[in-house]
Amino acid sequence: MNIRQFLLLACLFNGLLACSQTTILKTDTGYTFMRNGAPYYVKGVGGEVNFDKMIAIGANSFRTWGVDNAQKLLDEAQSKGLTVMLGLWLQHERHGFDYDNAEKVKSQLEYFKTVINQFKNHPALLMWGIGNELDLDYTNPNCWNAVQDIAKYIHQTDPNHPTSTVTAGLDSLEVKHIMARCPDIDVYCVNTYGDIPNVPKKIYDYGWKGPFMITEWGPNGHWESPQTKWRVSLEQSSTEKTKSYYTRYTQFIAPYSSRCLGSYAFLWGAKQEYTETWYGLFSKDNIPTEPIDALEMVFTNKPITKPAPSILKLSINGLIATENVELKAESDHAATVEILIKDSLSNPAVQYTWRIMAESTDKKSGGDVENEAEEITGLIFGGKSKNKIRFHTPAVPGQYRLFVAVLCNGKLAYANIPFLVLPRTEGDKQARFIKFKTTDMKAFEQ
């Protein structure tokens, strides 16, 4: 009897098998998760909110990046029949952590031993995620030795849950490092966006023999998107993202289920990352957005009964984002959004919201926390709640974006278009003067 079998028997004798068990079964064609003895394919999302909505769209699991509020999250997952890929957030070299510092590495290991001991018997636990994108902007491959130390401890103390680690995209060097340095890693996990078509084939070309998962996926990343000539990235509309989610799942995840154990779509929530809408599947006001319809379709294989609206085109003066919109400061312009309402039978109400934002100046990498971009108010006039507006450009030259959100059936479609504000020159026509309303001062007299 080996140590894992012994610990499993100990778990049984202590009445703890309610803690659940996830194993990986090797089949003639590949691999599959076995959850309490039954096949289990992960239809997951990355995020820790809106659990009822997860269930409604057919998701069965969610991923965390760390253990903040882990007890509460695991308990709620268990109460709703969801499982959790529990992330162990290892420190990153790009944030100053030195993986040659034996004392710090040991301290990190000892901390995670306590975490593992605390949560290893929780019935909602599916698997462990040891580190996230440690390879991003790193130079020291000794971080993989630290991953191995934690994975080895898990195998020694927790026979019920597989280990994994997550890389930023897929690179042959990282595959080789993990294979050589992390023999106790069971599942190779990849965060991938526009490059997802290459992952299922290349991971095996690079030498990985075991199962894998896609643990972040969704729209095109801001680093791989086309740019304006002033070098800001063009964001897909919610409609373009919806197509990306649907196509990437149906073409590059589900067809490889014999080796890919499932996935976690990004991001089940909202965050500022390059823009406030780039990755979040919810608005910052927690309204579900159009791409969630794609997830529901692929997870349930059923049509959407109350679909979100779609964006056909967003333009300024007839120009779209790829046409490098440049406008003079303090001048008036027109913007139009063309939409499609797919729920035409019930004739649902439609609401438009327009905003002008300064281009974010706090852009970071790897999902690090960013400050929100500044909204420039008082510039939009003439039909703010309609599909056509007029707006006045800011007085300060620089980079801006025009955002539009369209609400229908309780779901948002959205798009934005960057524009560059140029300084006025001597030959320009006089800018429009702002007309202030007069106030009857008698109302203020004592």
Protein backbone atom coordinates (compact mmCIF):
# COMPACT_ATOMS: atom_id res chain seq x y z
CA MET A 1 0.00 0.00 0.00
CA ASN A 2 1.46 3.38 -1.01
CA ILE A 3 1.11 6.61 0.95
CA ARG A 4 -1.77 7.95 -1.18
CA GLN A 5 -3.78 4.76 -0.73
CA PHE A 6 -3.10 4.84 3.01
CA LEU A 7 -4.26 8.44 3.32
CA LEU A 8 -7.37 7.72 1.29
CA LEU A 9 -8.26 4.86 3.65
CA ALA A 10 -7.62 7.15 6.60
CA CYS A 11 -10.01 9.66 5.06
CA LEU A 12 -12.63 6.92 4.72
CA PHE A 13 -12.26 5.71 8.30
CA ASN A 14 -12.59 9.25 9.62
CA GLY A 15 -15.86 9.75 7.78
CA LEU A 16 -14.38 12.44 5.61
CA LEU A 17 -15.00 11.08 2.14
CA ALA A 18 -17.74 13.67 1.98
CA CYS A 19 -14.70 15.79 1.25
CA SER A 20 -15.00 14.43 -2.31
CA GLN A 21 -12.40 12.90 -4.54
CA THR A 22 -11.10 13.99 -7.92
CA THR A 23 -8.81 11.67 -9.83
CA ILE A 24 -7.51 11.61 -13.39
CA LEU A 25 -8.36 8.48 -15.35
CA LYS A 26 -6.13 7.56 -18.26
CA THR A 27 -8.20 6.09 -21.08
CA ASP A 28 -7.41 4.59 -24.47
CA THR A 29 -7.93 8.01 -26.06
CA GLY A 30 -6.63 10.36 -23.39
CA TYR A 31 -7.70 11.50 -19.94
CA THR A 32 -10.78 12.44 -17.95
CA PHE A 33 -11.53 13.75 -14.48
CA MET A 34 -13.36 11.28 -12.26
CA ARG A 35 -15.30 13.10 -9.55
CA ASN A 36 -16.50 10.76 -6.81
CA GLY A 37 -16.33 7.91 -9.30
CA ALA A 38 -18.16 9.64 -12.20
CA PRO A 39 -16.70 11.42 -15.26
CA TYR A 40 -16.52 15.17 -14.74
CA TYR A 41 -15.86 17.70 -17.50
CA VAL A 42 -15.16 21.25 -16.33
CA LYS A 43 -17.42 23.96 -17.75
CA GLY A 44 -15.96 26.73 -15.68
CA VAL A 45 -15.60 30.46 -15.23
CA GLY A 46 -12.85 32.45 -13.57
CA GLY A 47 -14.29 34.58 -10.80
CA GLU A 48 -15.98 34.53 -7.42
CA VAL A 49 -19.33 36.31 -7.88
CA ASN A 50 -22.85 35.72 -9.20
CA PHE A 51 -23.02 32.01 -8.39
CA ASP A 52 -26.70 31.65 -9.29
CA LYS A 53 -25.96 33.08 -12.73
CA MET A 54 -23.11 30.57 -13.12
CA ILE A 55 -25.56 27.76 -12.55
CA ALA A 56 -28.16 29.33 -14.85
CA ILE A 57 -25.76 29.32 -17.82
CA GLY A 58 -24.64 25.74 -17.19
CA ALA A 59 -21.29 26.30 -15.47
CA ASN A 60 -20.26 23.67 -12.93
CA SER A 61 -17.01 25.09 -11.54
CA PHE A 62 -15.18 28.33 -10.83
CA ARG A 63 -11.56 29.24 -10.42
CA THR A 64 -9.88 31.45 -7.82
CA TRP A 65 -6.39 32.94 -8.02
CA GLY A 66 -5.78 33.02 -4.29
CA VAL A 67 -7.22 31.88 -0.97
CA ASP A 68 -8.78 35.12 0.26
CA ASN A 69 -12.23 34.20 1.56
CA ALA A 70 -11.54 30.59 0.56
CA GLN A 71 -13.66 29.07 3.34
CA LYS A 72 -16.68 31.17 2.43
CA LEU A 73 -16.26 30.56 -1.30
CA LEU A 74 -15.87 26.81 -0.89
CA ASP A 75 -18.87 26.63 1.42
CA GLU A 76 -21.05 28.57 -1.02
CA ALA A 77 -19.83 26.46 -3.93
CA GLN A 78 -20.77 23.31 -2.04
CA SER A 79 -24.22 24.66 -1.21
CA LYS A 80 -24.88 25.30 -4.91
CA GLY A 81 -23.34 22.16 -6.36
CA LEU A 82 -20.29 23.90 -7.83
CA THR A 83 -16.64 22.88 -7.61
CA VAL A 84 -13.57 25.06 -7.14
CA MET A 85 -10.12 25.14 -8.67
CA LEU A 86 -8.47 26.72 -5.63
CA GLY A 87 -5.57 28.96 -6.58
CA LEU A 88 -2.44 29.23 -4.46
CA TRP A 89 -1.02 32.65 -5.34
CA LEU A 90 2.76 32.26 -5.42
CA GLN A 91 4.82 35.43 -5.44
CA HIS A 92 6.17 36.69 -8.77
CA GLU A 93 9.70 37.62 -9.67
CA ARG A 94 8.38 40.70 -11.51
CA HIS A 95 6.99 41.91 -8.17
CA GLY A 96 10.37 41.56 -6.50
CA PHE A 97 10.32 38.01 -5.15
CA ASP A 98 13.69 36.22 -5.31
CA TYR A 99 13.45 32.49 -5.97
CA ASP A 100 17.14 32.15 -5.11
CA ASN A 101 16.37 33.28 -1.56
CA ALA A 102 16.01 29.93 0.20
CA GLU A 103 14.55 31.45 3.37
CA LYS A 104 11.75 33.28 1.52
CA VAL A 105 10.98 30.24 -0.63
CA LYS A 106 10.76 28.04 2.46
CA SER A 107 8.52 30.56 4.23
CA GLN A 108 6.17 30.56 1.23
CA LEU A 109 6.10 26.76 1.24
CA GLU A 110 5.32 26.59 4.96
CA TYR A 111 2.46 29.03 4.53
CA PHE A 112 0.90 26.98 1.77
CA LYS A 113 1.27 23.79 3.78
CA THR A 114 -1.10 25.32 6.34
CA VAL A 115 -3.51 26.37 3.57
CA ILE A 116 -3.47 22.89 2.03
CA ASN A 117 -4.09 21.26 5.40
CA GLN A 118 -6.98 23.62 6.04
CA PHE A 119 -8.88 23.06 2.81
CA LYS A 120 -7.84 19.64 1.46
CA ASN A 121 -10.94 17.91 2.86
CA HIS A 122 -13.49 20.44 1.67
CA PRO A 123 -16.16 18.72 -0.44
CA ALA A 124 -16.26 21.52 -3.06
CA LEU A 125 -12.53 21.35 -3.82
CA LEU A 126 -11.85 20.06 -7.34
CA MET A 127 -8.12 20.67 -7.79
CA TRP A 128 -5.20 22.86 -6.75
CA GLY A 129 -3.80 25.67 -8.91
CA ILE A 130 -0.22 26.22 -7.79
CA GLY A 131 0.87 29.65 -9.01
CA ASN A 132 -0.51 31.74 -11.85
CA GLU A 133 1.68 32.99 -14.69
CA LEU A 134 4.94 32.77 -12.76
CA ASP A 135 6.65 32.81 -16.14
CA LEU A 136 5.42 36.31 -17.01
CA ASP A 137 8.44 38.62 -17.36
CA TYR A 138 10.62 36.27 -15.34
CA THR A 139 14.26 35.23 -15.64
CA ASN A 140 14.67 32.65 -12.87
CA PRO A 141 13.29 29.16 -13.61
CA ASN A 142 13.83 28.20 -9.96
CA CYS A 143 10.23 29.31 -9.43
CA TRP A 144 9.27 25.90 -10.86
CA ASN A 145 11.24 24.21 -8.08
CA ALA A 146 9.02 26.05 -5.60
CA VAL A 147 5.93 24.87 -7.50
CA GLN A 148 7.24 21.30 -7.28
CA ASP A 149 7.80 21.51 -3.52
CA ILE A 150 4.15 22.48 -3.03
CA ALA A 151 2.86 19.89 -5.50
CA LYS A 152 4.90 17.18 -3.81
CA TYR A 153 3.49 18.14 -0.41
CA ILE A 154 -0.04 17.95 -1.83
CA HIS A 155 0.59 14.46 -3.19
CA GLN A 156 1.92 13.41 0.20
CA THR A 157 -0.98 14.79 2.23
CA ASP A 158 -3.97 15.01 -0.11
CA PRO A 159 -4.70 11.90 -2.21
CA ASN A 160 -8.01 13.30 -3.37
CA HIS A 161 -7.20 16.31 -5.56
CA PRO A 162 -4.89 16.81 -8.57
CA THR A 163 -2.22 19.46 -8.82
CA SER A 164 -1.72 21.99 -11.59
CA THR A 165 0.24 25.10 -12.44
CA VAL A 166 -0.70 27.86 -14.88
CA THR A 167 1.46 29.56 -17.50
CA ALA A 168 0.90 32.78 -19.44
CA GLY A 169 0.34 31.35 -22.89
CA LEU A 170 2.24 28.36 -24.13
CA ASP A 171 5.97 28.30 -24.69
CA SER A 172 8.17 25.30 -25.35
CA LEU A 173 10.75 26.39 -22.76
CA GLU A 174 8.17 26.53 -19.95
CA VAL A 175 6.83 23.12 -20.92
CA LYS A 176 10.33 21.72 -20.70
CA HIS A 177 11.00 23.42 -17.36
CA ILE A 178 7.78 22.10 -15.83
CA MET A 179 8.34 18.59 -17.15
CA ALA A 180 11.91 18.55 -15.79
CA ARG A 181 11.39 20.37 -12.50
CA CYS A 182 7.76 19.59 -11.54
CA PRO A 183 7.14 15.83 -11.74
CA ASP A 184 4.28 16.19 -9.23
CA ILE A 185 2.22 18.45 -11.48
CA ASP A 186 -0.74 16.47 -12.82
CA VAL A 187 -2.39 19.00 -15.16
CA TYR A 188 -0.72 21.66 -17.32
CA CYS A 189 -2.91 24.78 -17.35
CA VAL A 190 -2.68 27.56 -19.93
CA ASN A 191 -4.06 31.10 -19.95
CA THR A 192 -4.55 31.92 -23.63
CA TYR A 193 -6.55 34.35 -25.73
CA GLY A 194 -5.92 34.99 -29.42
CA ASP A 195 -3.38 32.16 -29.52
CA ILE A 196 -5.83 29.50 -28.33
CA PRO A 197 -5.99 27.75 -31.76
CA ASN A 198 -2.34 26.73 -31.35
CA VAL A 199 -2.52 25.34 -27.82
CA PRO A 200 -4.13 21.88 -28.28
CA LYS A 201 -1.55 20.76 -30.81
CA LYS A 202 1.55 22.57 -29.61
CA ILE A 203 1.34 21.44 -26.00
CA TYR A 204 2.01 17.89 -27.15
CA ASP A 205 4.50 18.96 -29.83
CA TYR A 206 6.43 20.61 -26.98
CA GLY A 207 6.59 17.29 -25.13
CA TRP A 208 3.80 17.38 -22.52
CA LYS A 209 2.35 13.88 -22.06
CA GLY A 210 -0.49 14.42 -19.58
CA PRO A 211 -3.84 16.24 -19.55
CA PHE A 212 -4.18 19.99 -19.87
CA MET A 213 -6.76 22.71 -19.27
CA ILE A 214 -7.45 26.21 -20.59
CA THR A 215 -7.75 28.23 -17.39
CA GLU A 216 -8.26 31.69 -18.89
CA TRP A 217 -9.76 32.34 -22.32
CA GLY A 218 -12.06 34.83 -23.97
CA PRO A 219 -11.56 37.87 -26.20
CA ASN A 220 -8.37 38.94 -27.91
CA GLY A 221 -5.85 40.21 -25.39
CA HIS A 222 -4.96 43.88 -25.47
CA TRP A 223 -1.32 42.98 -26.20
CA GLU A 224 -2.29 41.06 -29.36
CA SER A 225 -4.93 43.43 -30.78
CA PRO A 226 -4.51 45.91 -33.65
CA GLN A 227 -3.60 49.45 -32.66
CA THR A 228 -4.27 52.99 -33.77
CA LYS A 229 -1.39 54.93 -35.24
CA TRP A 230 -0.96 56.59 -31.82
CA ARG A 231 -0.51 53.07 -30.43
CA VAL A 232 -3.54 52.32 -28.32
CA SER A 233 -5.17 48.92 -28.73
CA LEU A 234 -8.55 48.48 -30.37
CA GLU A 235 -11.02 46.57 -28.23
CA GLN A 236 -13.50 44.14 -29.75
CA SER A 237 -17.15 45.05 -29.34
CA SER A 238 -19.22 42.79 -27.11
CA THR A 239 -20.65 41.24 -30.28
CA GLU A 240 -17.20 40.43 -31.64
CA LYS A 241 -16.27 38.99 -28.25
CA THR A 242 -19.42 36.87 -28.23
CA LYS A 243 -18.30 35.32 -31.51
CA SER A 244 -14.81 34.78 -30.05
CA TYR A 245 -16.14 32.97 -26.97
CA TYR A 246 -18.43 30.78 -29.03
CA THR A 247 -15.89 29.93 -31.73
CA ARG A 248 -12.98 29.35 -29.37
CA TYR A 249 -14.96 26.98 -27.20
CA THR A 250 -16.55 25.01 -30.03
CA GLN A 251 -13.37 24.80 -32.13
CA PHE A 252 -10.45 24.74 -29.69
CA ILE A 253 -11.75 23.46 -26.32
CA ALA A 254 -14.66 21.04 -26.67
CA PRO A 255 -13.22 19.06 -29.63
CA TYR A 256 -10.12 18.22 -27.55
CA SER A 257 -12.02 16.89 -24.51
CA SER A 258 -10.11 13.59 -24.65
CA ARG A 259 -7.04 15.45 -23.39
CA CYS A 260 -8.36 18.85 -22.32
CA LEU A 261 -10.19 18.32 -19.02
CA GLY A 262 -12.20 21.54 -19.39
CA SER A 263 -11.76 25.27 -19.09
CA TYR A 264 -12.41 28.46 -17.13
CA ALA A 265 -13.69 31.44 -19.13
CA PHE A 266 -12.33 34.86 -18.14
CA LEU A 267 -13.53 37.03 -16.40
CA TRP A 268 -16.63 36.23 -14.39
CA GLY A 269 -16.91 39.69 -12.92
CA ALA A 270 -15.70 43.18 -13.83
CA LYS A 271 -12.31 44.87 -13.66
CA GLN A 272 -10.26 47.70 -15.10
CA GLU A 273 -7.64 46.13 -17.34
CA TYR A 274 -6.60 48.32 -20.25
CA THR A 275 -10.24 49.49 -20.33
CA GLU A 276 -13.09 48.90 -17.89
CA THR A 277 -14.84 46.55 -20.35
CA TRP A 278 -12.04 44.55 -21.98
CA TYR A 279 -12.26 41.31 -20.01
CA GLY A 280 -15.23 41.50 -17.66
CA LEU A 281 -18.29 39.41 -18.44
CA PHE A 282 -20.27 41.79 -16.23
CA SER A 283 -20.35 45.58 -16.24
CA LYS A 284 -18.95 47.40 -13.25
CA ASP A 285 -22.60 47.77 -12.19
CA ASN A 286 -22.86 43.96 -12.27
CA ILE A 287 -25.06 43.75 -15.36
CA PRO A 288 -24.45 40.64 -17.50
CA THR A 289 -22.98 41.38 -20.92
CA GLU A 290 -23.59 39.91 -24.35
CA PRO A 291 -20.72 37.33 -24.35
CA ILE A 292 -22.38 35.46 -21.47
CA ASP A 293 -24.98 34.36 -24.03
CA ALA A 294 -22.20 32.54 -25.89
CA LEU A 295 -21.12 30.72 -22.73
CA GLU A 296 -24.69 29.68 -22.01
CA MET A 297 -25.07 28.32 -25.54
CA VAL A 298 -21.90 26.22 -25.41
CA PHE A 299 -22.39 25.03 -21.82
CA THR A 300 -26.07 24.06 -22.21
CA ASN A 301 -26.32 23.45 -25.96
CA LYS A 302 -29.63 25.33 -25.91
CA PRO A 303 -30.74 28.57 -27.62
CA ILE A 304 -31.00 31.80 -25.65
CA THR A 305 -34.59 32.76 -24.87
CA LYS A 306 -33.92 36.41 -23.96
CA PRO A 307 -30.81 37.37 -25.93
CA ALA A 308 -28.67 40.43 -25.43
CA PRO A 309 -28.62 43.08 -28.15
CA SER A 310 -25.74 43.14 -30.63
CA ILE A 311 -23.53 45.95 -31.90
CA LEU A 312 -23.31 46.16 -35.67
CA LYS A 313 -21.24 49.34 -35.98
CA LEU A 314 -19.98 52.25 -33.89
CA SER A 315 -18.72 55.31 -35.73
CA ILE A 316 -17.67 58.93 -35.26
CA ASN A 317 -18.43 61.14 -38.24
CA GLY A 318 -18.91 57.92 -40.19
CA LEU A 319 -15.43 56.61 -39.30
CA ILE A 320 -14.86 53.34 -37.43
CA ALA A 321 -12.05 52.60 -34.98
CA THR A 322 -9.63 51.16 -37.54
CA GLU A 323 -9.75 54.45 -39.46
CA ASN A 324 -7.78 56.38 -36.81
CA VAL A 325 -10.29 59.02 -35.73
CA GLU A 326 -8.58 62.40 -35.18
CA LEU A 327 -10.58 65.43 -34.05
CA LYS A 328 -9.75 69.02 -33.23
CA ALA A 329 -10.05 70.18 -29.64
CA GLU A 330 -13.27 71.98 -28.71
CA SER A 331 -15.16 70.99 -31.84
CA ASP A 332 -18.53 69.32 -32.42
CA HIS A 333 -19.00 65.85 -33.91
CA ALA A 334 -21.58 63.11 -34.41
CA ALA A 335 -21.50 59.49 -33.28
CA THR A 336 -23.82 56.63 -34.19
CA VAL A 337 -24.23 53.07 -32.99
CA GLU A 338 -26.10 50.55 -35.12
CA ILE A 339 -27.59 47.61 -33.20
CA LEU A 340 -29.49 44.39 -33.75
CA ILE A 341 -32.31 43.33 -31.42
CA LYS A 342 -32.59 39.56 -31.77
CA ASP A 343 -35.67 39.37 -29.53
CA SER A 344 -37.95 41.18 -31.96
CA LEU A 345 -41.12 39.21 -31.09
CA SER A 346 -41.51 40.66 -27.59
CA ASN A 347 -40.37 44.13 -28.68
CA PRO A 348 -38.17 44.76 -25.60
CA ALA A 349 -37.22 48.22 -24.41
CA VAL A 350 -33.75 49.50 -25.35
CA GLN A 351 -31.65 51.93 -23.35
CA TYR A 352 -28.44 53.67 -24.53
CA THR A 353 -25.65 55.09 -22.37
CA TRP A 354 -22.79 57.14 -23.85
CA ARG A 355 -19.60 58.26 -22.11
CA ILE A 356 -16.31 59.89 -23.04
CA MET A 357 -13.27 58.61 -21.16
CA ALA A 358 -9.65 59.70 -21.15
CA GLU A 359 -7.40 56.89 -22.34
CA SER A 360 -6.10 54.99 -19.34
CA THR A 361 -2.62 56.02 -18.21
CA ASP A 362 -2.26 53.17 -15.71
CA LYS A 363 -1.76 50.15 -17.97
CA LYS A 364 0.05 47.19 -16.44
CA SER A 365 0.73 43.55 -17.26
CA GLY A 366 -0.48 40.23 -15.96
CA GLY A 367 -3.76 41.53 -14.59
CA ASP A 368 -2.13 43.73 -11.95
CA VAL A 369 -4.51 46.24 -10.34
CA GLU A 370 -5.04 49.39 -12.42
CA ASN A 371 -6.66 52.70 -11.62
CA GLU A 372 -9.87 53.46 -13.48
CA ALA A 373 -9.71 55.83 -16.42
CA GLU A 374 -11.18 59.31 -15.98
CA GLU A 375 -14.62 60.06 -17.37
CA ILE A 376 -14.92 63.46 -19.04
CA THR A 377 -18.43 64.73 -18.38
CA GLY A 378 -20.47 67.55 -19.87
CA LEU A 379 -19.42 66.94 -23.49
CA ILE A 380 -22.31 64.87 -24.85
CA PHE A 381 -25.49 66.58 -26.00
CA GLY A 382 -28.39 65.92 -28.35
CA GLY A 383 -29.94 62.53 -27.60
CA LYS A 384 -27.83 60.96 -24.85
CA SER A 385 -30.29 58.08 -24.55
CA LYS A 386 -30.55 57.36 -28.27
CA ASN A 387 -28.44 55.61 -30.88
CA LYS A 388 -27.16 58.93 -32.25
CA ILE A 389 -25.46 61.70 -30.30
CA ARG A 390 -23.48 64.85 -30.83
CA PHE A 391 -20.52 65.63 -28.64
CA HIS A 392 -17.97 68.35 -28.02
CA THR A 393 -14.33 67.30 -27.90
CA PRO A 394 -12.26 68.11 -24.79
CA ALA A 395 -10.21 71.27 -24.70
CA VAL A 396 -7.09 69.33 -23.70
CA PRO A 397 -5.43 67.52 -26.62
CA GLY A 398 -4.73 63.84 -26.07
CA GLN A 399 -6.13 60.33 -26.29
CA TYR A 400 -9.76 59.54 -25.49
CA ARG A 401 -12.41 56.86 -26.06
CA LEU A 402 -16.11 57.12 -26.75
CA PHE A 403 -18.02 54.29 -25.03
CA VAL A 404 -21.57 53.18 -25.70
CA ALA A 405 -23.61 50.59 -23.80
CA VAL A 406 -26.96 49.24 -24.99
CA LEU A 407 -29.27 47.62 -22.42
CA CYS A 408 -31.99 45.19 -23.49
CA ASN A 409 -33.50 42.15 -21.74
CA GLY A 410 -31.37 42.98 -18.69
CA LYS A 411 -28.15 42.46 -20.67
CA LEU A 412 -25.58 44.87 -22.05
CA ALA A 413 -23.96 45.11 -25.45
CA TYR A 414 -21.10 47.59 -25.67
CA ALA A 415 -18.35 49.05 -27.82
CA ASN A 416 -15.80 51.83 -27.71
CA ILE A 417 -13.86 53.79 -30.28
CA PRO A 418 -10.57 55.57 -29.54
CA PHE A 419 -10.07 59.08 -30.85
CA LEU A 420 -7.15 61.49 -30.79
CA VAL A 421 -7.81 65.13 -29.94
CA LEU A 422 -5.45 67.48 -31.76
CA PRO A 423 -4.63 71.02 -30.61
CA ARG A 424 -6.34 73.88 -32.35
CA THR A 425 -4.25 75.94 -34.74
CA GLU A 426 -4.41 79.58 -35.74
CA GLY A 427 -6.37 78.84 -38.91
CA ASP A 428 -9.12 76.83 -37.23
CA LYS A 429 -12.62 78.19 -36.95
CA GLN A 430 -13.64 79.60 -33.60
CA ALA A 431 -14.62 76.89 -31.13
CA ARG A 432 -18.19 76.76 -29.91
CA PHE A 433 -18.67 78.86 -26.81
CA ILE A 434 -20.48 77.25 -23.90
CA LYS A 435 -23.75 79.02 -23.14
CA PHE A 436 -24.47 79.23 -19.44
CA LYS A 437 -28.03 79.40 -18.19
CA THR A 438 -28.97 82.63 -16.42
CA THR A 439 -30.03 82.36 -12.80
CA ASP A 440 -32.64 84.50 -11.08
CA MET A 441 -30.60 85.82 -8.16
CA LYS A 442 -33.75 86.93 -6.37
CA ALA A 443 -34.25 83.36 -5.28
CA PHE A 444 -31.07 83.68 -3.21
CA GLU A 445 -31.88 87.04 -1.64
CA GLN A 446 -32.70 87.07 2.06
